[in-house]
C-alpha atoms as a PDB file:
ATOM      1  CA  UNK A   1      -2.974  13.888 -15.857  1.00  0.00           C
ATOM      2  CA  UNK A   2      -3.339  10.758 -17.735  1.00  0.00           C
ATOM      3  CA  UNK A   3      -5.120   7.987 -15.870  1.00  0.00           C
ATOM      4  CA  UNK A   4      -2.113   5.534 -17.016  1.00  0.00           C
ATOM      5  CA  UNK A   5       0.309   7.616 -15.320  1.00  0.00           C
ATOM      6  CA  UNK A   6      -1.859   7.898 -12.444  1.00  0.00           C
ATOM      7  CA  UNK A   7      -2.183   4.111 -12.090  1.00  0.00           C
ATOM      8  CA  UNK A   8       1.556   3.700 -12.453  1.00  0.00           C
ATOM      9  CA  UNK A   9       2.585   6.448  -9.632  1.00  0.00           C
ATOM     10  CA  UNK A  10      -0.112   5.159  -7.115  1.00  0.00           C
ATOM     11  CA  UNK A  11       1.290   1.430  -7.855  1.00  0.00           C
ATOM     12  CA  UNK A  12       4.649   2.760  -7.226  1.00  0.00           C
ATOM     13  CA  UNK A  13       3.904   4.627  -4.131  1.00  0.00           C
ATOM     14  CA  UNK A  14       1.787   1.761  -2.682  1.00  0.00           C
ATOM     15  CA  UNK A  15       4.974  -0.553  -3.344  1.00  0.00           C
ATOM     16  CA  UNK A  16       7.149   1.903  -1.637  1.00  0.00           C
ATOM     17  CA  UNK A  17       4.571   1.887   1.428  1.00  0.00           C
ATOM     18  CA  UNK A  18       4.502  -1.955   1.647  1.00  0.00           C
ATOM     19  CA  UNK A  19       8.232  -2.198   1.706  1.00  0.00           C
ATOM     20  CA  UNK A  20       8.499   0.289   4.396  1.00  0.00           C
ATOM     21  CA  UNK A  21       5.825  -1.725   6.292  1.00  0.00           C
ATOM     22  CA  UNK A  22       7.757  -4.870   5.854  1.00  0.00           C
ATOM     23  CA  UNK A  23      10.864  -3.477   7.265  1.00  0.00           C
ATOM     24  CA  UNK A  24       9.346  -1.538  10.392  1.00  0.00           C
ATOM     25  CA  UNK A  25       6.177  -3.572  11.491  1.00  0.00           C
ATOM     26  CA  UNK A  26       8.285  -6.699  12.336  1.00  0.00           C
ATOM     27  CA  UNK A  27      10.729  -4.376  14.387  1.00  0.00           C
ATOM     28  CA  UNK A  28       7.633  -3.130  16.104  1.00  0.00           C
ATOM     29  CA  UNK A  29       5.925  -6.141  16.756  1.00  0.00           C
ATOM     30  CA  UNK A  30       8.591  -8.753  17.739  1.00  0.00           C
ATOM     31  CA  UNK A  31       6.230 -10.995  19.828  1.00  0.00           C
ATOM     32  CA  UNK A  32       4.189 -11.677  16.679  1.00  0.00           C
ATOM     33  CA  UNK A  33       6.305 -11.229  13.586  1.00  0.00           C
ATOM     34  CA  UNK A  34       3.851 -13.547  11.457  1.00  0.00           C
ATOM     35  CA  UNK A  35       0.931 -10.799  12.177  1.00  0.00           C
ATOM     36  CA  UNK A  36       3.198  -8.062  11.329  1.00  0.00           C
ATOM     37  CA  UNK A  37       3.660  -9.437   7.772  1.00  0.00           C
ATOM     38  CA  UNK A  38      -0.019 -10.270   7.443  1.00  0.00           C
ATOM     39  CA  UNK A  39      -0.744  -6.534   8.667  1.00  0.00           C
ATOM     40  CA  UNK A  40       1.529  -5.146   6.253  1.00  0.00           C
ATOM     41  CA  UNK A  41      -0.024  -6.971   3.401  1.00  0.00           C
ATOM     42  CA  UNK A  42      -3.546  -5.812   4.728  1.00  0.00           C
ATOM     43  CA  UNK A  43      -2.298  -2.219   4.731  1.00  0.00           C
ATOM     44  CA  UNK A  44      -0.786  -2.667   1.420  1.00  0.00           C
ATOM     45  CA  UNK A  45      -4.148  -3.669  -0.042  1.00  0.00           C
ATOM     46  CA  UNK A  46      -5.912  -0.957   1.616  1.00  0.00           C
ATOM     47  CA  UNK A  47      -3.674   1.440   0.193  1.00  0.00           C
ATOM     48  CA  UNK A  48      -3.920   0.374  -3.318  1.00  0.00           C
ATOM     49  CA  UNK A  49      -7.803  -0.143  -2.990  1.00  0.00           C
ATOM     50  CA  UNK A  50      -8.120   3.470  -1.730  1.00  0.00           C
ATOM     51  CA  UNK A  51      -5.759   4.838  -4.457  1.00  0.00           C
ATOM     52  CA  UNK A  52      -8.157   3.040  -7.345  1.00  0.00           C
ATOM     53  CA  UNK A  53     -11.223   4.480  -5.541  1.00  0.00           C
ATOM     54  CA  UNK A  54      -9.624   8.092  -5.370  1.00  0.00           C
ATOM     55  CA  UNK A  55      -8.290   7.797  -9.255  1.00  0.00           C
ATOM     56  CA  UNK A  56     -11.717   6.267 -10.389  1.00  0.00           C
ATOM     57  CA  UNK A  57     -13.558   9.377  -8.695  1.00  0.00           C
ATOM     58  CA  UNK A  58     -11.162  11.828 -10.335  1.00  0.00           C
ATOM     59  CA  UNK A  59     -11.550  10.253 -13.711  1.00  0.00           C
ATOM     60  CA  UNK A  60     -15.297  10.112 -13.487  1.00  0.00           C
END
């Protein structure tokens, strides 16, 4: 598969994970909503970084 297609697909998948986390985490962590948003962003960054690492590993 083309690397550009993989980049777009992982970006879209990570964005969907981020949206789900933004919806779910504040409901689960009602006592600290601010931390829930920060945690959602950190998990989004981790998924993007992991996806980029895996794509680079497959391409090389």
